[in-house]
């Protein structure tokens, strides 16, 4: 199962929550492939992947190496793949990517060697598909796993205009996406008041986009701007509950967590 995290803007906790979900699934004994497609490389930095990302290495004609890190998480495992890099190399690879077939050949072989239970993707904010190497990752995945289920999670903060912009954003990228996906959960993150205060907002996100799951995540000081080891990142109760629903294959029931 492929679960892609999206957000209209930065700073809403997209990378943090996607990593939490990956950890929560791994703790249940699952093998997780985490694809870090975000330009900030936050998860890859935590994993101490110092080399350029896979797409950047291929873009510059390098033999790909040291672009991933595997971490044991209780009874499961978490393999983190770094796709990009920071700075000028990212910009050049992102805007002038020409090694399309080379990437397809390498990445498809890489995926065929994997035997993962879940694939989690952390996407850059305000994603566009045109002339975007991220599109090639998606198409390569589809070639290797044509029947694999793909789901989307959308993250927003609590501000009403952020929720409205997020709705418009997901509608646009859904129409342009190279991969058919199903809606999994809309998440309002960093709720500083009681959850009841945000019920109407999460209902709006669910109704406008068709998410069966709505999740209201409280603000937690312990994970805000976390920069420690991945093994030490706490999993908040709301994401742990979402992970349990996923493992139990509860994708369709409408519920607010």
Protein backbone atom coordinates (compact mmCIF):
# COMPACT_ATOMS: atom_id res chain seq x y z
CA UNK A 1 0.00 0.00 0.00
CA UNK A 2 1.28 3.46 -0.97
CA UNK A 3 0.35 6.44 1.23
CA UNK A 4 1.38 9.90 0.04
CA UNK A 5 1.37 12.96 2.32
CA UNK A 6 0.56 16.35 0.82
CA UNK A 7 0.29 19.91 2.11
CA UNK A 8 -0.43 23.26 0.53
CA UNK A 9 2.24 25.07 2.55
CA UNK A 10 5.19 24.38 4.80
CA UNK A 11 5.30 24.40 8.56
CA UNK A 12 2.14 22.35 9.07
CA UNK A 13 3.89 19.17 10.26
CA UNK A 14 3.63 17.12 7.06
CA UNK A 15 7.08 15.54 7.34
CA UNK A 16 6.74 14.94 11.07
CA UNK A 17 3.37 13.21 10.80
CA UNK A 18 4.37 11.12 7.79
CA UNK A 19 7.43 9.87 9.68
CA UNK A 20 5.30 9.17 12.75
CA UNK A 21 2.90 7.06 10.69
CA UNK A 22 5.81 5.15 9.18
CA UNK A 23 7.20 4.46 12.64
CA UNK A 24 3.81 3.44 14.03
CA UNK A 25 3.35 0.91 11.22
CA UNK A 26 6.89 -0.40 11.66
CA UNK A 27 6.35 -0.88 15.39
CA UNK A 28 3.56 -3.30 14.46
CA UNK A 29 6.10 -5.50 12.71
CA UNK A 30 5.64 -4.03 9.23
CA UNK A 31 8.36 -3.35 6.69
CA UNK A 32 8.13 0.28 5.61
CA UNK A 33 9.70 2.05 2.63
CA UNK A 34 9.76 5.80 3.28
CA UNK A 35 10.39 7.99 0.22
CA UNK A 36 11.62 11.44 1.19
CA UNK A 37 10.62 13.60 -1.77
CA UNK A 38 10.50 16.84 0.22
CA UNK A 39 13.02 19.51 -0.79
CA UNK A 40 13.91 20.18 2.87
CA UNK A 41 15.11 16.57 3.36
CA UNK A 42 14.06 16.68 7.02
CA UNK A 43 13.64 12.94 7.46
CA UNK A 44 16.83 12.19 5.51
CA UNK A 45 18.71 14.60 7.76
CA UNK A 46 17.41 12.82 10.85
CA UNK A 47 18.55 9.54 9.29
CA UNK A 48 21.97 11.13 8.61
CA UNK A 49 21.92 10.39 4.88
CA UNK A 50 24.71 12.73 3.84
CA UNK A 51 25.05 11.87 0.14
CA UNK A 52 22.97 13.56 -2.54
CA UNK A 53 19.54 12.05 -3.08
CA UNK A 54 18.87 9.37 -5.68
CA UNK A 55 17.38 11.71 -8.29
CA UNK A 56 20.23 14.19 -7.87
CA UNK A 57 22.90 11.50 -8.21
CA UNK A 58 21.32 10.20 -11.40
CA UNK A 59 20.81 13.74 -12.74
CA UNK A 60 24.57 14.35 -12.45
CA UNK A 61 25.54 11.02 -13.97
CA UNK A 62 26.73 9.38 -10.74
CA UNK A 63 26.40 5.71 -9.85
CA UNK A 64 23.76 5.85 -7.08
CA UNK A 65 25.03 4.94 -3.62
CA UNK A 66 24.38 5.75 0.03
CA UNK A 67 21.03 7.38 -0.73
CA UNK A 68 19.10 5.36 1.85
CA UNK A 69 19.27 4.22 5.45
CA UNK A 70 17.50 1.28 7.09
CA UNK A 71 16.49 1.50 10.74
CA UNK A 72 15.16 -1.26 12.97
CA UNK A 73 11.93 -0.22 14.69
CA UNK A 74 10.85 -2.80 17.30
CA UNK A 75 9.60 -5.80 15.31
CA UNK A 76 9.58 -3.98 11.98
CA UNK A 77 11.91 -1.93 9.82
CA UNK A 78 11.99 1.51 8.22
CA UNK A 79 14.01 2.14 5.06
CA UNK A 80 14.35 5.84 4.24
CA UNK A 81 15.19 6.81 0.66
CA UNK A 82 16.48 10.32 0.00
CA UNK A 83 15.37 11.62 -3.41
CA UNK A 84 16.76 15.15 -3.51
CA UNK A 85 19.41 17.35 -1.89
CA UNK A 86 19.55 20.87 -0.54
CA UNK A 87 20.95 23.86 -2.39
CA UNK A 88 21.89 24.32 -6.04
CA UNK A 89 22.06 20.60 -6.81
CA UNK A 90 18.40 20.27 -5.90
CA UNK A 91 17.45 23.17 -8.14
CA UNK A 92 19.35 21.83 -11.14
CA UNK A 93 18.03 18.29 -10.72
CA UNK A 94 14.49 19.53 -10.19
CA UNK A 95 14.35 21.92 -13.16
CA UNK A 96 16.71 20.28 -15.66
CA UNK A 97 16.20 16.57 -15.10
CA UNK A 98 17.02 14.75 -18.34
CA UNK A 99 18.14 11.27 -17.21
CA UNK A 100 14.60 9.94 -17.29
CA UNK A 101 15.27 6.46 -18.67
CA UNK A 102 18.32 6.02 -16.44
CA UNK A 103 16.17 6.79 -13.43
CA UNK A 104 13.40 4.44 -14.55
CA UNK A 105 15.85 1.57 -15.01
CA UNK A 106 17.51 2.02 -11.63
CA UNK A 107 14.42 2.79 -9.55
CA UNK A 108 12.29 0.03 -11.02
CA UNK A 109 15.03 -2.50 -10.23
CA UNK A 110 15.34 -1.05 -6.73
CA UNK A 111 11.60 -1.42 -6.11
CA UNK A 112 11.52 -4.98 -7.44
CA UNK A 113 14.10 -5.98 -4.85
CA UNK A 114 11.93 -4.62 -2.04
CA UNK A 115 9.32 -6.60 -0.16
CA UNK A 116 7.65 -3.87 1.86
CA UNK A 117 4.22 -3.79 3.47
CA UNK A 118 3.68 -0.05 3.23
CA UNK A 119 5.24 2.78 1.26
CA UNK A 120 5.03 6.26 2.79
CA UNK A 121 5.87 9.35 0.73
CA UNK A 122 6.66 12.80 2.06
CA UNK A 123 6.02 15.21 -0.81
CA UNK A 124 7.19 18.80 -1.27
CA UNK A 125 4.65 21.50 -0.51
CA UNK A 126 2.66 23.08 -3.33
CA UNK A 127 3.46 20.23 -5.69
CA UNK A 128 3.05 20.57 -9.44
CA UNK A 129 3.36 17.63 -11.82
CA UNK A 130 4.53 19.40 -15.00
CA UNK A 131 8.24 18.98 -15.77
CA UNK A 132 8.74 17.49 -12.36
CA UNK A 133 11.03 14.50 -11.65
CA UNK A 134 8.68 13.49 -8.83
CA UNK A 135 6.31 12.46 -11.60
CA UNK A 136 8.89 9.95 -12.81
CA UNK A 137 9.05 8.28 -9.40
CA UNK A 138 5.28 7.92 -9.46
CA UNK A 139 5.24 6.49 -12.98
CA UNK A 140 8.05 4.04 -12.19
CA UNK A 141 6.13 2.82 -9.14
CA UNK A 142 3.02 2.33 -11.28
CA UNK A 143 5.05 0.28 -13.78
CA UNK A 144 6.35 -2.06 -11.07
CA UNK A 145 3.17 -2.25 -8.98
CA UNK A 146 0.24 -1.61 -11.37
CA UNK A 147 -2.32 -3.07 -8.96
CA UNK A 148 -1.01 -1.62 -5.69
CA UNK A 149 -3.47 0.57 -3.81
CA UNK A 150 -2.49 4.22 -3.47
CA UNK A 151 -3.89 6.62 -0.88
CA UNK A 152 -3.54 10.30 -0.04
CA UNK A 153 -3.28 12.13 3.29
CA UNK A 154 -3.67 15.92 3.36
CA UNK A 155 -2.23 18.04 6.18
CA UNK A 156 -3.40 21.53 7.12
CA UNK A 157 -3.00 23.78 10.10
CA UNK A 158 -6.03 25.09 11.99
CA UNK A 159 -6.44 28.44 10.19
CA UNK A 160 -9.66 28.64 8.14
CA UNK A 161 -7.93 30.12 5.08
CA UNK A 162 -5.32 27.34 5.20
CA UNK A 163 -8.07 24.74 5.11
CA UNK A 164 -9.77 26.48 2.17
CA UNK A 165 -6.48 26.75 0.26
CA UNK A 166 -5.69 23.10 1.00
CA UNK A 167 -9.02 22.01 -0.47
CA UNK A 168 -8.37 23.94 -3.70
CA UNK A 169 -4.80 22.62 -3.83
CA UNK A 170 -5.67 18.94 -3.48
CA UNK A 171 -8.42 19.20 -6.09
CA UNK A 172 -5.93 20.64 -8.56
CA UNK A 173 -3.15 18.10 -8.06
CA UNK A 174 -5.67 15.23 -7.99
CA UNK A 175 -6.85 16.20 -11.47
CA UNK A 176 -3.26 16.29 -12.78
CA UNK A 177 -1.76 13.32 -10.92
CA UNK A 178 -0.16 10.51 -13.00
CA UNK A 179 -1.38 7.90 -10.50
CA UNK A 180 -4.94 7.06 -9.52
CA UNK A 181 -5.33 7.40 -5.78
CA UNK A 182 -7.94 7.01 -3.09
CA UNK A 183 -8.55 9.44 -0.26
CA UNK A 184 -7.51 8.24 3.18
CA UNK A 185 -7.40 11.07 5.73
CA UNK A 186 -7.58 14.81 6.08
CA UNK A 187 -5.57 16.02 9.08
CA UNK A 188 -5.76 19.30 10.95
CA UNK A 189 -2.51 19.57 12.86
CA UNK A 190 -1.28 21.59 15.85
CA UNK A 191 -4.71 22.17 17.41
CA UNK A 192 -4.03 24.36 20.45
CA UNK A 193 -7.59 24.38 21.78
CA UNK A 194 -9.95 21.55 22.66
CA UNK A 195 -10.70 19.25 19.73
CA UNK A 196 -14.39 20.19 19.77
CA UNK A 197 -13.32 23.64 18.56
CA UNK A 198 -12.19 22.13 15.24
CA UNK A 199 -14.97 19.63 14.53
CA UNK A 200 -16.68 21.80 11.92
CA UNK A 201 -13.37 22.50 10.20
CA UNK A 202 -12.46 18.82 9.90
CA UNK A 203 -15.98 18.01 8.72
CA UNK A 204 -15.56 20.63 5.99
CA UNK A 205 -12.29 19.05 4.88
CA UNK A 206 -13.91 15.63 4.78
CA UNK A 207 -17.07 16.75 3.00
CA UNK A 208 -15.40 18.96 0.38
CA UNK A 209 -12.79 16.39 -0.62
CA UNK A 210 -14.44 13.10 0.33
CA UNK A 211 -12.00 11.91 3.01
CA UNK A 212 -13.43 9.00 5.02
CA UNK A 213 -11.10 9.80 7.92
CA UNK A 214 -10.69 13.14 9.66
CA UNK A 215 -7.90 13.51 12.22
CA UNK A 216 -7.43 16.39 14.65
CA UNK A 217 -3.91 16.33 16.08
CA UNK A 218 -3.18 18.40 19.17
CA UNK A 219 -0.10 20.58 19.50
CA UNK A 220 2.65 18.61 21.24
CA UNK A 221 5.71 20.43 22.57
CA UNK A 222 7.67 17.18 22.56
CA UNK A 223 7.58 16.85 18.76
CA UNK A 224 7.48 20.49 17.66
CA UNK A 225 10.63 21.17 15.60
CA UNK A 226 12.05 17.78 16.56
CA UNK A 227 15.72 17.28 15.57
CA UNK A 228 16.85 14.13 17.39
CA UNK A 229 17.17 10.52 16.35
CA UNK A 230 14.32 8.91 14.46
CA UNK A 231 14.15 6.19 17.10
CA UNK A 232 13.42 8.90 19.70
CA UNK A 233 10.58 10.62 17.83
CA UNK A 234 7.39 10.13 19.83
CA UNK A 235 4.26 8.95 18.03
CA UNK A 236 1.26 11.02 19.05
CA UNK A 237 -1.94 9.10 19.95
CA UNK A 238 -3.92 10.40 16.97
CA UNK A 239 -1.40 9.05 14.45
CA UNK A 240 -1.07 5.78 16.33
CA UNK A 241 -4.83 5.35 16.06
CA UNK A 242 -4.72 6.10 12.33
CA UNK A 243 -2.00 3.46 11.92
CA UNK A 244 -4.19 0.89 13.67
CA UNK A 245 -7.05 1.69 11.30
CA UNK A 246 -4.73 1.21 8.31
CA UNK A 247 -3.40 -2.11 9.58
CA UNK A 248 -6.97 -3.30 10.16
CA UNK A 249 -7.77 -2.28 6.57
CA UNK A 250 -10.39 0.17 7.77
CA UNK A 251 -10.22 2.62 4.88
CA UNK A 252 -13.86 3.42 4.11
CA UNK A 253 -15.65 3.99 7.40
CA UNK A 254 -16.27 7.68 7.95
CA UNK A 255 -14.90 8.72 11.34
CA UNK A 256 -13.21 11.60 13.10
CA UNK A 257 -10.20 10.49 15.13
